[in-house]
Amino acid sequence: MEMNKLIHKHYIIYKPYGYLSQFQTNSAQQNKKKLLGDLEDFPSGIMAVGRLDEKSEGLLLLTTDGKMSDYVNSKKVEKEYYALVDGRISNEAVQQLRDGVDIGIHGKKYTTKPCKVIPLEKTPNLPERSRKIRDARHGPTTWLSIILREGKFRQVRKMTSAVGCPTLRLVRVRVGRIGLDGMHVGEVMEVDKFMI
């Protein structure tokens, strides 16, 4: 006789700017923070697959399946970000990002793995951010596509700062074969499985 197989739940969401990638906080001072549970009534056991920091936006996968979470977080799955950086980034700086730069992780030096970095010729078609970003009067900016197979804490922001072009806006647009595909900010889609 077969035991009932546990049915896992999977969601694709467009995390808004200003939300933490978690469902509860332990700290009393963080009670006013916006959490993922404010977007939808998710089932117990749900977890974010690879977090986005509070100031980052975009594609976030949620699941109750720990094995799926481990797989997506492994170095086998690409994650693509659009990063708006301060200044006109030089070809040399782009090459440095591609080759790997030294950043700090938990107080230790870490050299990022080689990755794909492509300056975008046009501004990507993204929804307006809820909090205004400085405008062109404050100097030029550059949009980059950055594709990684790793995801250290605040890695993309630390990488662009390391080459002198701090990130002003960061949006994850793809995880494996899953993209934002016209989703609206704050939208939640339940799916049967992740087509990674």
Protein backbone atom coordinates (compact mmCIF):
# COMPACT_ATOMS: atom_id res chain seq x y z
CA MET A 1 0.00 0.00 0.00
CA GLU A 2 1.47 3.38 -1.06
CA MET A 3 1.78 6.16 1.46
CA ASN A 4 0.29 9.48 0.51
CA LYS A 5 2.91 11.49 -1.33
CA LEU A 6 3.48 14.96 0.10
CA ILE A 7 2.20 17.57 -2.35
CA HIS A 8 4.56 20.53 -2.43
CA LYS A 9 3.47 24.07 -3.25
CA HIS A 10 5.42 26.33 -5.61
CA TYR A 11 5.00 30.04 -6.35
CA ILE A 12 6.59 32.60 -8.67
CA ILE A 13 6.40 36.16 -7.35
CA TYR A 14 7.52 39.62 -8.37
CA LYS A 15 9.01 40.85 -5.10
CA PRO A 16 8.44 44.59 -4.71
CA TYR A 17 11.10 47.03 -3.57
CA GLY A 18 11.06 47.46 0.21
CA TYR A 19 9.99 43.91 1.13
CA LEU A 20 12.10 41.44 3.08
CA SER A 21 12.43 37.95 1.55
CA GLN A 22 10.97 36.32 4.64
CA PHE A 23 7.64 35.64 6.31
CA GLN A 24 8.25 36.76 9.89
CA THR A 25 10.75 38.75 11.91
CA ASN A 26 12.05 38.07 15.38
CA SER A 27 13.04 41.62 16.15
CA ALA A 28 10.53 44.02 17.67
CA GLN A 29 12.12 46.94 15.79
CA GLN A 30 11.45 45.19 12.47
CA ASN A 31 7.71 44.87 13.11
CA LYS A 32 7.05 47.64 10.60
CA LYS A 33 8.95 45.88 7.80
CA LYS A 34 7.01 44.57 4.81
CA LEU A 35 7.16 40.77 4.51
CA LEU A 36 6.29 38.30 1.75
CA GLY A 37 3.29 37.11 3.77
CA ASP A 38 1.76 40.56 3.20
CA LEU A 39 1.39 39.66 -0.51
CA GLU A 40 -0.55 36.39 -0.12
CA ASP A 41 -1.67 33.84 2.44
CA PHE A 42 1.06 31.26 1.81
CA PRO A 43 0.99 27.71 3.24
CA SER A 44 3.11 26.78 6.25
CA GLY A 45 6.57 25.48 5.44
CA ILE A 46 7.00 27.92 2.55
CA MET A 47 10.52 29.27 1.95
CA ALA A 48 12.13 31.77 -0.40
CA VAL A 49 14.50 30.12 -2.87
CA GLY A 50 17.49 32.46 -2.81
CA ARG A 51 16.69 35.79 -1.23
CA LEU A 52 16.56 39.28 -2.61
CA ASP A 53 17.55 42.02 -0.18
CA GLU A 54 15.04 44.66 0.91
CA LYS A 55 16.12 47.18 -1.75
CA SER A 56 16.13 44.62 -4.59
CA GLU A 57 13.15 43.67 -6.71
CA GLY A 58 12.06 41.05 -9.14
CA LEU A 59 11.73 37.33 -9.58
CA LEU A 60 11.57 35.27 -6.41
CA LEU A 61 10.63 31.59 -6.23
CA LEU A 62 8.87 30.19 -3.17
CA THR A 63 8.46 26.50 -2.38
CA THR A 64 7.72 24.02 0.39
CA ASP A 65 10.21 21.59 -1.23
CA GLY A 66 13.67 21.82 0.39
CA LYS A 67 15.30 19.67 -2.32
CA MET A 68 14.04 22.01 -5.03
CA SER A 69 15.35 24.98 -3.05
CA ASP A 70 18.78 23.36 -2.74
CA TYR A 71 18.88 22.62 -6.48
CA VAL A 72 17.94 26.17 -7.54
CA ASN A 73 20.51 27.60 -5.11
CA SER A 74 23.20 25.29 -6.49
CA LYS A 75 25.77 26.55 -8.99
CA LYS A 76 23.93 24.67 -11.77
CA VAL A 77 21.20 27.30 -12.21
CA GLU A 78 21.78 30.73 -13.77
CA LYS A 79 20.31 33.86 -12.19
CA GLU A 80 20.04 37.00 -14.34
CA TYR A 81 19.86 40.50 -12.89
CA TYR A 82 19.37 43.92 -14.45
CA ALA A 83 21.48 46.39 -12.51
CA LEU A 84 21.27 50.16 -12.95
CA VAL A 85 24.69 51.44 -11.95
CA ASP A 86 26.00 54.92 -11.23
CA GLY A 87 28.14 56.34 -14.03
CA ARG A 88 29.14 55.25 -17.50
CA ILE A 89 30.83 51.93 -16.85
CA SER A 90 34.07 51.41 -18.79
CA ASN A 91 34.88 48.36 -20.92
CA GLU A 92 37.69 47.61 -18.44
CA ALA A 93 35.27 47.58 -15.51
CA VAL A 94 32.85 45.31 -17.41
CA GLN A 95 35.73 42.91 -18.10
CA GLN A 96 36.73 42.97 -14.42
CA LEU A 97 33.19 41.98 -13.47
CA ARG A 98 33.26 39.16 -16.03
CA ASP A 99 36.60 37.84 -14.78
CA GLY A 100 35.79 38.11 -11.05
CA VAL A 101 36.34 40.83 -8.45
CA ASP A 102 37.25 40.79 -4.78
CA ILE A 103 34.35 41.48 -2.42
CA GLY A 104 33.83 41.04 1.31
CA ILE A 105 31.65 38.20 2.61
CA HIS A 106 31.22 37.93 6.39
CA GLY A 107 34.43 39.90 6.95
CA LYS A 108 36.55 37.75 4.59
CA LYS A 109 37.81 38.45 1.09
CA TYR A 110 36.01 36.50 -1.63
CA THR A 111 36.77 36.49 -5.37
CA THR A 112 33.61 36.16 -7.43
CA LYS A 113 33.43 33.45 -10.09
CA PRO A 114 33.57 34.42 -13.78
CA CYS A 115 30.16 35.51 -15.04
CA LYS A 116 28.40 37.10 -18.01
CA VAL A 117 28.07 40.89 -18.00
CA ILE A 118 26.47 42.77 -20.89
CA PRO A 119 25.89 46.55 -20.96
CA LEU A 120 22.32 47.13 -22.19
CA GLU A 121 21.91 49.63 -25.02
CA LYS A 122 18.30 50.42 -24.08
CA THR A 123 16.60 50.91 -20.73
CA PRO A 124 14.85 47.62 -19.94
CA ASN A 125 11.06 47.61 -19.90
CA LEU A 126 10.50 47.37 -16.15
CA PRO A 127 7.72 48.76 -13.96
CA GLU A 128 8.43 52.04 -12.17
CA ARG A 129 9.97 51.50 -8.77
CA SER A 130 7.86 52.54 -5.77
CA ARG A 131 10.70 54.72 -4.48
CA LYS A 132 12.15 57.23 -6.93
CA ILE A 133 15.67 56.71 -8.21
CA ARG A 134 17.78 59.78 -8.79
CA ASP A 135 17.44 61.19 -12.30
CA ALA A 136 19.85 62.10 -15.10
CA ARG A 137 20.53 65.54 -13.60
CA HIS A 138 22.79 63.76 -11.11
CA GLY A 139 24.97 62.26 -13.83
CA PRO A 140 24.94 59.32 -16.26
CA THR A 141 23.89 55.78 -15.43
CA THR A 142 24.29 52.40 -17.16
CA TRP A 143 22.04 49.33 -17.23
CA LEU A 144 23.84 45.97 -17.09
CA SER A 145 22.67 42.40 -17.50
CA ILE A 146 24.62 40.27 -14.99
CA ILE A 147 24.26 36.48 -15.15
CA LEU A 148 25.63 34.47 -12.22
CA ARG A 149 25.62 30.88 -11.07
CA GLU A 150 26.32 31.84 -7.46
CA GLY A 151 24.53 34.11 -5.03
CA LYS A 152 26.53 35.42 -2.12
CA PHE A 153 24.98 38.00 0.21
CA ARG A 154 24.41 41.26 -1.73
CA GLN A 155 26.84 39.97 -4.34
CA VAL A 156 25.82 42.04 -7.37
CA ARG A 157 25.82 45.27 -5.34
CA LYS A 158 29.26 44.48 -3.93
CA MET A 159 30.59 43.58 -7.39
CA THR A 160 29.53 46.83 -9.05
CA SER A 161 30.84 48.86 -6.08
CA ALA A 162 34.18 47.07 -6.40
CA VAL A 163 34.61 48.53 -9.91
CA GLY A 164 33.49 52.03 -8.88
CA CYS A 165 29.90 51.91 -10.14
CA PRO A 166 27.50 51.44 -7.22
CA THR A 167 24.14 49.81 -7.98
CA LEU A 168 21.17 52.21 -7.90
CA ARG A 169 18.48 49.66 -8.79
CA LEU A 170 18.64 45.85 -8.90
CA VAL A 171 16.00 43.60 -10.47
CA ARG A 172 16.28 39.81 -10.80
CA VAL A 173 14.66 38.99 -14.14
CA ARG A 174 15.40 35.27 -14.56
CA VAL A 175 16.15 32.07 -12.62
CA GLY A 176 17.07 29.24 -15.00
CA ARG A 177 14.34 29.25 -17.65
CA ILE A 178 11.82 31.09 -15.46
CA GLY A 179 11.50 34.80 -16.25
CA LEU A 180 9.36 37.71 -15.09
CA ASP A 181 7.50 37.58 -18.43
CA GLY A 182 5.31 40.65 -17.98
CA MET A 183 4.43 40.02 -14.32
CA HIS A 184 3.26 42.99 -12.26
CA VAL A 185 5.02 44.15 -9.11
CA GLY A 186 3.63 42.17 -6.15
CA GLU A 187 2.01 39.54 -8.40
CA VAL A 188 1.93 35.97 -7.08
CA MET A 189 1.48 32.95 -9.38
CA GLU A 190 1.05 29.43 -8.06
CA VAL A 191 2.53 26.78 -10.38
CA ASP A 192 2.47 22.97 -10.35
CA LYS A 193 6.25 22.83 -10.67
CA PHE A 194 9.24 24.96 -11.57
CA MET A 195 10.38 24.57 -15.17
CA ILE A 196 14.01 25.34 -14.38
